[in-house]
PDB file of N, CA and C in Angstrom:
ATOM      1  N   MET A   1      91.399 136.832  86.859  1.00  0.00           N
ATOM      2  CA  MET A   1      92.522 136.121  86.258  1.00  0.00           C
ATOM      3  C   MET A   1      92.040 135.477  84.964  1.00  0.00           C
ATOM      4  N   THR A   2      92.802 135.646  83.907  1.00  0.00           N
ATOM      5  CA  THR A   2      92.410 135.069  82.622  1.00  0.00           C
ATOM      6  C   THR A   2      92.729 133.582  82.596  1.00  0.00           C
ATOM      7  N   GLN A   3      92.084 132.906  81.655  1.00  0.00           N
ATOM      8  CA  GLN A   3      92.301 131.461  81.555  1.00  0.00           C
ATOM      9  C   GLN A   3      93.747 131.168  81.154  1.00  0.00           C
ATOM     10  N   GLU A   4      94.332 132.025  80.307  1.00  0.00           N
ATOM     11  CA  GLU A   4      95.717 131.810  79.875  1.00  0.00           C
ATOM     12  C   GLU A   4      96.690 131.900  81.045  1.00  0.00           C
ATOM     13  N   SER A   5      96.522 132.902  81.899  1.00  0.00           N
ATOM     14  CA  SER A   5      97.424 133.026  83.045  1.00  0.00           C
ATOM     15  C   SER A   5      97.161 131.935  84.069  1.00  0.00           C
ATOM     16  N   ASP A   6      95.896 131.483  84.166  1.00  0.00           N
ATOM     17  CA  ASP A   6      95.559 130.385  85.065  1.00  0.00           C
ATOM     18  C   ASP A   6      96.228 129.097  84.590  1.00  0.00           C
ATOM     19  N   ASN A   7      96.234 128.845  83.277  1.00  0.00           N
ATOM     20  CA  ASN A   7      96.911 127.666  82.729  1.00  0.00           C
ATOM     21  C   ASN A   7      98.409 127.739  82.974  1.00  0.00           C
ATOM     22  N   GLY A   8      98.988 128.924  82.821  1.00  0.00           N
ATOM     23  CA  GLY A   8     100.415 129.092  83.067  1.00  0.00           C
ATOM     24  C   GLY A   8     100.773 128.802  84.511  1.00  0.00           C
ATOM     25  N   LYS A   9      99.911 129.263  85.433  1.00  0.00           N
ATOM     26  CA  LYS A   9     100.144 129.012  86.857  1.00  0.00           C
ATOM     27  C   LYS A   9     100.056 127.514  87.146  1.00  0.00           C
ATOM     28  N   ASN A  10      99.057 126.844  86.584  1.00  0.00           N
ATOM     29  CA  ASN A  10      98.918 125.405  86.800  1.00  0.00           C
ATOM     30  C   ASN A  10     100.093 124.632  86.214  1.00  0.00           C
ATOM     31  N   ASN A  11     100.566 125.044  85.045  1.00  0.00           N
ATOM     32  CA  ASN A  11     101.730 124.379  84.450  1.00  0.00           C
ATOM     33  C   ASN A  11     102.976 124.573  85.302  1.00  0.00           C
ATOM     34  N   PHE A  12     103.084 125.737  85.937  1.00  0.00           N
ATOM     35  CA  PHE A  12     104.227 125.995  86.809  1.00  0.00           C
ATOM     36  C   PHE A  12     104.130 125.180  88.097  1.00  0.00           C
ATOM     37  N   LEU A  13     102.941 125.168  88.710  1.00  0.00           N
ATOM     38  CA  LEU A  13     102.774 124.480  89.985  1.00  0.00           C
ATOM     39  C   LEU A  13     102.700 122.968  89.844  1.00  0.00           C
ATOM     40  N   TYR A  14     102.169 122.490  88.738  1.00  0.00           N
ATOM     41  CA  TYR A  14     101.981 121.051  88.528  1.00  0.00           C
ATOM     42  C   TYR A  14     102.584 120.633  87.193  1.00  0.00           C
ATOM     43  N   PRO A  15     103.903 120.677  87.066  1.00  0.00           N
ATOM     44  CA  PRO A  15     104.513 120.332  85.778  1.00  0.00           C
ATOM     45  C   PRO A  15     104.353 118.847  85.475  1.00  0.00           C
ATOM     46  N   LYS A  16     104.182 118.552  84.223  1.00  0.00           N
ATOM     47  CA  LYS A  16     104.080 117.164  83.767  1.00  0.00           C
ATOM     48  C   LYS A  16     105.078 116.949  82.651  1.00  0.00           C
ATOM     49  N   ALA A  17     105.877 115.908  82.780  1.00  0.00           N
ATOM     50  CA  ALA A  17     106.811 115.553  81.714  1.00  0.00           C
ATOM     51  C   ALA A  17     106.133 114.555  80.798  1.00  0.00           C
ATOM     52  N   SER A  18     106.484 114.595  79.528  1.00  0.00           N
ATOM     53  CA  SER A  18     105.871 113.651  78.600  1.00  0.00           C
ATOM     54  C   SER A  18     106.440 112.252  78.843  1.00  0.00           C
ATOM     55  N   TYR A  19     105.626 111.257  78.572  1.00  0.00           N
ATOM     56  CA  TYR A  19     106.010 109.865  78.795  1.00  0.00           C
ATOM     57  C   TYR A  19     106.883 109.385  77.652  1.00  0.00           C
ATOM     58  N   ARG A  20     108.014 108.762  77.972  1.00  0.00           N
ATOM     59  CA  ARG A  20     108.943 108.326  76.941  1.00  0.00           C
ATOM     60  C   ARG A  20     109.126 106.804  76.911  1.00  0.00           C
ATOM     61  N   GLY A  21     108.339 106.083  77.671  1.00  0.00           N
ATOM     62  CA  GLY A  21     108.474 104.636  77.717  1.00  0.00           C
ATOM     63  C   GLY A  21     107.645 103.941  76.660  1.00  0.00           C
ATOM     64  N   ASP A  22     107.546 102.630  76.793  1.00  0.00           N
ATOM     65  CA  ASP A  22     106.766 101.801  75.875  1.00  0.00           C
ATOM     66  C   ASP A  22     105.290 102.068  76.097  1.00  0.00           C
ATOM     67  N   LEU A  23     104.615 102.503  75.070  1.00  0.00           N
ATOM     68  CA  LEU A  23     103.198 102.819  75.163  1.00  0.00           C
ATOM     69  C   LEU A  23     102.425 101.905  74.227  1.00  0.00           C
ATOM     70  N   SER A  24     102.104 100.728  74.730  1.00  0.00           N
ATOM     71  CA  SER A  24     101.345  99.789  73.913  1.00  0.00           C
ATOM     72  C   SER A  24      99.898  99.784  74.391  1.00  0.00           C
ATOM     73  N   PRO A  25      98.949  99.697  73.462  1.00  0.00           N
ATOM     74  CA  PRO A  25      97.530  99.700  73.841  1.00  0.00           C
ATOM     75  C   PRO A  25      97.158  98.536  74.757  1.00  0.00           C
ATOM     76  N   SER A  26      97.892  97.459  74.672  1.00  0.00           N
ATOM     77  CA  SER A  26      97.577  96.304  75.512  1.00  0.00           C
ATOM     78  C   SER A  26      98.068  96.470  76.942  1.00  0.00           C
ATOM     79  N   ASN A  27      98.951  97.457  77.180  1.00  0.00           N
ATOM     80  CA  ASN A  27      99.492  97.647  78.519  1.00  0.00           C
ATOM     81  C   ASN A  27      99.584  99.138  78.867  1.00  0.00           C
ATOM     82  N   PRO A  28      98.461  99.753  79.244  1.00  0.00           N
ATOM     83  CA  PRO A  28      98.499 101.178  79.611  1.00  0.00           C
ATOM     84  C   PRO A  28      99.005 101.411  81.034  1.00  0.00           C
ATOM     85  N   ASN A  29      99.306 100.335  81.768  1.00  0.00           N
ATOM     86  CA  ASN A  29      99.711 100.472  83.172  1.00  0.00           C
ATOM     87  C   ASN A  29     101.013 101.254  83.347  1.00  0.00           C
ATOM     88  N   ASN A  30     101.922 101.156  82.372  1.00  0.00           N
ATOM     89  CA  ASN A  30     103.173 101.916  82.472  1.00  0.00           C
ATOM     90  C   ASN A  30     102.888 103.409  82.482  1.00  0.00           C
ATOM     91  N   LEU A  31     101.961 103.842  81.650  1.00  0.00           N
ATOM     92  CA  LEU A  31     101.603 105.260  81.579  1.00  0.00           C
ATOM     93  C   LEU A  31     100.943 105.715  82.880  1.00  0.00           C
ATOM     94  N   VAL A  32     100.073 104.897  83.437  1.00  0.00           N
ATOM     95  CA  VAL A  32      99.401 105.231  84.694  1.00  0.00           C
ATOM     96  C   VAL A  32     100.419 105.308  85.824  1.00  0.00           C
ATOM     97  N   PHE A  33     101.346 104.361  85.879  1.00  0.00           N
ATOM     98  CA  PHE A  33     102.358 104.397  86.922  1.00  0.00           C
ATOM     99  C   PHE A  33     103.249 105.622  86.773  1.00  0.00           C
ATOM    100  N   ASN A  34     103.575 105.984  85.534  1.00  0.00           N
ATOM    101  CA  ASN A  34     104.382 107.179  85.306  1.00  0.00           C
ATOM    102  C   ASN A  34     103.688 108.417  85.851  1.00  0.00           C
ATOM    103  N   ALA A  35     102.382 108.529  85.644  1.00  0.00           N
ATOM    104  CA  ALA A  35     101.622 109.667  86.182  1.00  0.00           C
ATOM    105  C   ALA A  35     101.656 109.649  87.707  1.00  0.00           C
ATOM    106  N   ASN A  36     101.520 108.467  88.305  1.00  0.00           N
ATOM    107  CA  ASN A  36     101.584 108.352  89.765  1.00  0.00           C
ATOM    108  C   ASN A  36     102.968 108.737  90.287  1.00  0.00           C
ATOM    109  N   LEU A  37     103.996 108.353  89.565  1.00  0.00           N
ATOM    110  CA  LEU A  37     105.365 108.680  89.958  1.00  0.00           C
ATOM    111  C   LEU A  37     105.607 110.190  89.903  1.00  0.00           C
ATOM    112  N   GLN A  38     105.095 110.841  88.866  1.00  0.00           N
ATOM    113  CA  GLN A  38     105.241 112.293  88.765  1.00  0.00           C
ATOM    114  C   GLN A  38     104.485 113.000  89.891  1.00  0.00           C
ATOM    115  N   GLU A  39     103.304 112.498  90.218  1.00  0.00           N
ATOM    116  CA  GLU A  39     102.532 113.080  91.318  1.00  0.00           C
ATOM    117  C   GLU A  39     103.271 112.904  92.648  1.00  0.00           C
ATOM    118  N   PHE A  40     103.871 111.736  92.848  1.00  0.00           N
ATOM    119  CA  PHE A  40     104.671 111.481  94.049  1.00  0.00           C
ATOM    120  C   PHE A  40     105.803 112.492  94.160  1.00  0.00           C
ATOM    121  N   ALA A  41     106.529 112.692  93.064  1.00  0.00           N
ATOM    122  CA  ALA A  41     107.667 113.615  93.075  1.00  0.00           C
ATOM    123  C   ALA A  41     107.213 115.040  93.382  1.00  0.00           C
ATOM    124  N   GLN A  42     106.077 115.440  92.826  1.00  0.00           N
ATOM    125  CA  GLN A  42     105.572 116.785  93.069  1.00  0.00           C
ATOM    126  C   GLN A  42     105.183 116.970  94.533  1.00  0.00           C
ATOM    127  N   LYS A  43     104.518 115.980  95.111  1.00  0.00           N
ATOM    128  CA  LYS A  43     104.110 116.072  96.512  1.00  0.00           C
ATOM    129  C   LYS A  43     105.320 116.084  97.438  1.00  0.00           C
ATOM    130  N   VAL A  44     106.333 115.281  97.124  1.00  0.00           N
ATOM    131  CA  VAL A  44     107.555 115.277  97.935  1.00  0.00           C
ATOM    132  C   VAL A  44     108.221 116.647  97.878  1.00  0.00           C
ATOM    133  N   ALA A  45     108.242 117.256  96.710  1.00  0.00           N
ATOM    134  CA  ALA A  45     108.838 118.586  96.580  1.00  0.00           C
ATOM    135  C   ALA A  45     108.098 119.600  97.452  1.00  0.00           C
ATOM    136  N   TYR A  46     106.768 119.545  97.471  1.00  0.00           N
ATOM    137  CA  TYR A  46     105.991 120.457  98.320  1.00  0.00           C
ATOM    138  C   TYR A  46     106.259 120.202  99.803  1.00  0.00           C
ATOM    139  N   ILE A  47     106.301 118.941 100.188  1.00  0.00           N
ATOM    140  CA  ILE A  47     106.562 118.604 101.591  1.00  0.00           C
ATOM    141  C   ILE A  47     107.945 119.100 102.003  1.00  0.00           C
ATOM    142  N   CYS A  48     108.935 118.910 101.137  1.00  0.00           N
ATOM    143  CA  CYS A  48     110.295 119.389 101.438  1.00  0.00           C
ATOM    144  C   CYS A  48     110.323 120.906 101.568  1.00  0.00           C
ATOM    145  N   ALA A  49     109.591 121.592 100.714  1.00  0.00           N
ATOM    146  CA  ALA A  49     109.545 123.048 100.799  1.00  0.00           C
ATOM    147  C   ALA A  49     108.883 123.500 102.102  1.00  0.00           C
ATOM    148  N   LEU A  50     107.813 122.828 102.494  1.00  0.00           N
ATOM    149  CA  LEU A  50     107.161 123.169 103.755  1.00  0.00           C
ATOM    150  C   LEU A  50     108.088 122.949 104.943  1.00  0.00           C
ATOM    151  N   GLU A  51     108.832 121.851 104.919  1.00  0.00           N
ATOM    152  CA  GLU A  51     109.758 121.553 106.015  1.00  0.00           C
ATOM    153  C   GLU A  51     110.909 122.542 106.028  1.00  0.00           C
ATOM    154  N   THR A  52     111.442 122.860 104.865  1.00  0.00           N
ATOM    155  CA  THR A  52     112.555 123.799 104.769  1.00  0.00           C
ATOM    156  C   THR A  52     112.168 125.173 105.300  1.00  0.00           C
ATOM    157  N   ASN A  53     110.924 125.577 105.044  1.00  0.00           N
ATOM    158  CA  ASN A  53     110.455 126.895 105.474  1.00  0.00           C
ATOM    159  C   ASN A  53     109.864 126.886 106.879  1.00  0.00           C
ATOM    160  N   GLY A  54     109.973 125.767 107.576  1.00  0.00           N
ATOM    161  CA  GLY A  54     109.544 125.708 108.963  1.00  0.00           C
ATOM    162  C   GLY A  54     108.046 125.593 109.175  1.00  0.00           C
ATOM    163  N   LYS A  55     107.310 125.254 108.144  1.00  0.00           N
ATOM    164  CA  LYS A  55     105.849 125.140 108.266  1.00  0.00           C
ATOM    165  C   LYS A  55     105.429 123.800 108.868  1.00  0.00           C
ATOM    166  N   ILE A  56     106.246 122.771 108.655  1.00  0.00           N
ATOM    167  CA  ILE A  56     106.005 121.465 109.282  1.00  0.00           C
ATOM    168  C   ILE A  56     107.332 120.974 109.842  1.00  0.00           C
ATOM    169  N   SER A  57     107.246 120.068 110.807  1.00  0.00           N
ATOM    170  CA  SER A  57     108.467 119.540 111.425  1.00  0.00           C
ATOM    171  C   SER A  57     109.133 118.513 110.505  1.00  0.00           C
ATOM    172  N   THR A  58     110.388 118.240 110.807  1.00  0.00           N
ATOM    173  CA  THR A  58     111.128 117.237 110.050  1.00  0.00           C
ATOM    174  C   THR A  58     110.463 115.873 110.180  1.00  0.00           C
ATOM    175  N   GLU A  59     110.000 115.553 111.381  1.00  0.00           N
ATOM    176  CA  GLU A  59     109.335 114.261 111.609  1.00  0.00           C
ATOM    177  C   GLU A  59     108.032 114.170 110.816  1.00  0.00           C
ATOM    178  N   GLU A  60     107.266 115.262 110.777  1.00  0.00           N
ATOM    179  CA  GLU A  60     106.013 115.264 110.023  1.00  0.00           C
ATOM    180  C   GLU A  60     106.299 115.101 108.526  1.00  0.00           C
ATOM    181  N   ALA A  61     107.326 115.779 108.032  1.00  0.00           N
ATOM    182  CA  ALA A  61     107.698 115.647 106.618  1.00  0.00           C
ATOM    183  C   ALA A  61     108.095 114.206 106.316  1.00  0.00           C
ATOM    184  N   TYR A  62     108.898 113.626 107.196  1.00  0.00           N
ATOM    185  CA  TYR A  62     109.321 112.240 107.006  1.00  0.00           C
ATOM    186  C   TYR A  62     108.118 111.307 106.969  1.00  0.00           C
ATOM    187  N   ASN A  63     107.197 111.476 107.906  1.00  0.00           N
ATOM    188  CA  ASN A  63     106.025 110.602 107.961  1.00  0.00           C
ATOM    189  C   ASN A  63     105.145 110.753 106.728  1.00  0.00           C
ATOM    190  N   GLN A  64     104.976 111.971 106.246  1.00  0.00           N
ATOM    191  CA  GLN A  64     104.159 112.182 105.051  1.00  0.00           C
ATOM    192  C   GLN A  64     104.810 111.551 103.822  1.00  0.00           C
ATOM    193  N   ILE A  65     106.126 111.724 103.692  1.00  0.00           N
ATOM    194  CA  ILE A  65     106.829 111.142 102.545  1.00  0.00           C
ATOM    195  C   ILE A  65     106.821 109.621 102.636  1.00  0.00           C
ATOM    196  N   LYS A  66     106.975 109.092 103.830  1.00  0.00           N
ATOM    197  CA  LYS A  66     106.931 107.639 104.022  1.00  0.00           C
ATOM    198  C   LYS A  66     105.560 107.087 103.615  1.00  0.00           C
ATOM    199  N   LYS A  67     104.496 107.794 103.986  1.00  0.00           N
ATOM    200  CA  LYS A  67     103.145 107.369 103.612  1.00  0.00           C
ATOM    201  C   LYS A  67     102.971 107.400 102.089  1.00  0.00           C
ATOM    202  N   LEU A  68     103.452 108.474 101.459  1.00  0.00           N
ATOM    203  CA  LEU A  68     103.370 108.562  99.998  1.00  0.00           C
ATOM    204  C   LEU A  68     104.166 107.444  99.333  1.00  0.00           C
ATOM    205  N   TRP A  69     105.338 107.116  99.905  1.00  0.00           N
ATOM    206  CA  TRP A  69     106.176 106.054  99.345  1.00  0.00           C
ATOM    207  C   TRP A  69     105.455 104.710  99.400  1.00  0.00           C
ATOM    208  N   HIS A  70     104.795 104.421 100.507  1.00  0.00           N
ATOM    209  CA  HIS A  70     104.068 103.156 100.619  1.00  0.00           C
ATOM    210  C   HIS A  70     102.914 103.102  99.624  1.00  0.00           C
ATOM    211  N   GLN A  71     102.255 104.236  99.404  1.00  0.00           N
ATOM    212  CA  GLN A  71     101.184 104.281  98.407  1.00  0.00           C
ATOM    213  C   GLN A  71     101.740 104.019  97.008  1.00  0.00           C
ATOM    214  N   LEU A  72     102.899 104.601  96.704  1.00  0.00           N
ATOM    215  CA  LEU A  72     103.511 104.393  95.398  1.00  0.00           C
ATOM    216  C   LEU A  72     103.928 102.937  95.213  1.00  0.00           C
ATOM    217  N   LYS A  73     104.482 102.331  96.252  1.00  0.00           N
ATOM    218  CA  LYS A  73     104.863 100.917  96.173  1.00  0.00           C
ATOM    219  C   LYS A  73     103.653 100.039  95.913  1.00  0.00           C
ATOM    220  N   THR A  74     102.534 100.372  96.554  1.00  0.00           N
ATOM    221  CA  THR A  74     101.310  99.597  96.358  1.00  0.00           C
ATOM    222  C   THR A  74     100.825  99.719  94.917  1.00  0.00           C
ATOM    223  N   THR A  75     100.832 100.928  94.380  1.00  0.00           N
ATOM    224  CA  THR A  75     100.387 101.083  92.989  1.00  0.00           C
ATOM    225  C   THR A  75     101.337 100.375  92.030  1.00  0.00           C
ATOM    226  N   LYS A  76     102.632 100.357  92.354  1.00  0.00           N
ATOM    227  CA  LYS A  76     103.586  99.626  91.506  1.00  0.00           C
ATOM    228  C   LYS A  76     103.244  98.142  91.486  1.00  0.00           C
ATOM    229  N   LYS A  77     102.967  97.597  92.653  1.00  0.00           N
ATOM    230  CA  LYS A  77     102.606  96.179  92.711  1.00  0.00           C
ATOM    231  C   LYS A  77     101.350  95.893  91.907  1.00  0.00           C
ATOM    232  N   VAL A  78     100.364  96.748  92.051  1.00  0.00           N
ATOM    233  CA  VAL A  78      99.084  96.530  91.370  1.00  0.00           C
ATOM    234  C   VAL A  78      99.224  96.714  89.864  1.00  0.00           C
ATOM    235  N   LEU A  79      99.920  97.766  89.448  1.00  0.00           N
ATOM    236  CA  LEU A  79      99.970  98.101  88.031  1.00  0.00           C
ATOM    237  C   LEU A  79     101.041  97.354  87.255  1.00  0.00           C
ATOM    238  N   LEU A  80     102.224  97.224  87.810  1.00  0.00           N
ATOM    239  CA  LEU A  80     103.341  96.698  87.036  1.00  0.00           C
ATOM    240  C   LEU A  80     103.650  95.240  87.291  1.00  0.00           C
ATOM    241  N   GLU A  81     103.542  94.821  88.526  1.00  0.00           N
ATOM    242  CA  GLU A  81     103.926  93.446  88.833  1.00  0.00           C
ATOM    243  C   GLU A  81     102.869  92.445  88.410  1.00  0.00           C
ATOM    244  N   GLN A  82     101.626  92.877  88.224  1.00  0.00           N
ATOM    245  CA  GLN A  82     100.606  91.960  87.732  1.00  0.00           C
ATOM    246  C   GLN A  82     100.878  91.601  86.285  1.00  0.00           C
ATOM    247  N   ASP A  83     101.510  92.507  85.531  1.00  0.00           N
ATOM    248  CA  ASP A  83     101.842  92.227  84.146  1.00  0.00           C
ATOM    249  C   ASP A  83     102.910  91.165  84.035  1.00  0.00           C
ATOM    250  N   ASP A  84     103.848  91.143  84.984  1.00  0.00           N
ATOM    251  CA  ASP A  84     104.916  90.154  84.978  1.00  0.00           C
ATOM    252  C   ASP A  84     104.407  88.752  85.234  1.00  0.00           C
ATOM    253  N   SER A  85     103.324  88.646  86.024  1.00  0.00           N
ATOM    254  CA  SER A  85     102.807  87.332  86.379  1.00  0.00           C
ATOM    255  C   SER A  85     101.879  86.767  85.317  1.00  0.00           C
ATOM    256  N   GLU A  86     101.408  87.600  84.392  1.00  0.00           N
ATOM    257  CA  GLU A  86     100.474  87.121  83.363  1.00  0.00           C
ATOM    258  C   GLU A  86     101.180  86.498  82.195  1.00  0.00           C
TER     259      GLU A  86
END
């Protein structure tokens, strides 16, 4: 497989949207949270596809998404809410 086709496959499987929010050098946390949010959405899409195709149960999909959601909430608290308190 060539590097060009490998890059195309990675772009298809792991799409990234460009960041359109406030990007100030003093506060890179918004950009980091945006990357975490995109990763969350991608993982949820994979879990939903696995559940839809019968590879995992509905309960397992729910539990995995719930775990990912709690991780995202934790990163939001660490990255974004600390800025509000400063």
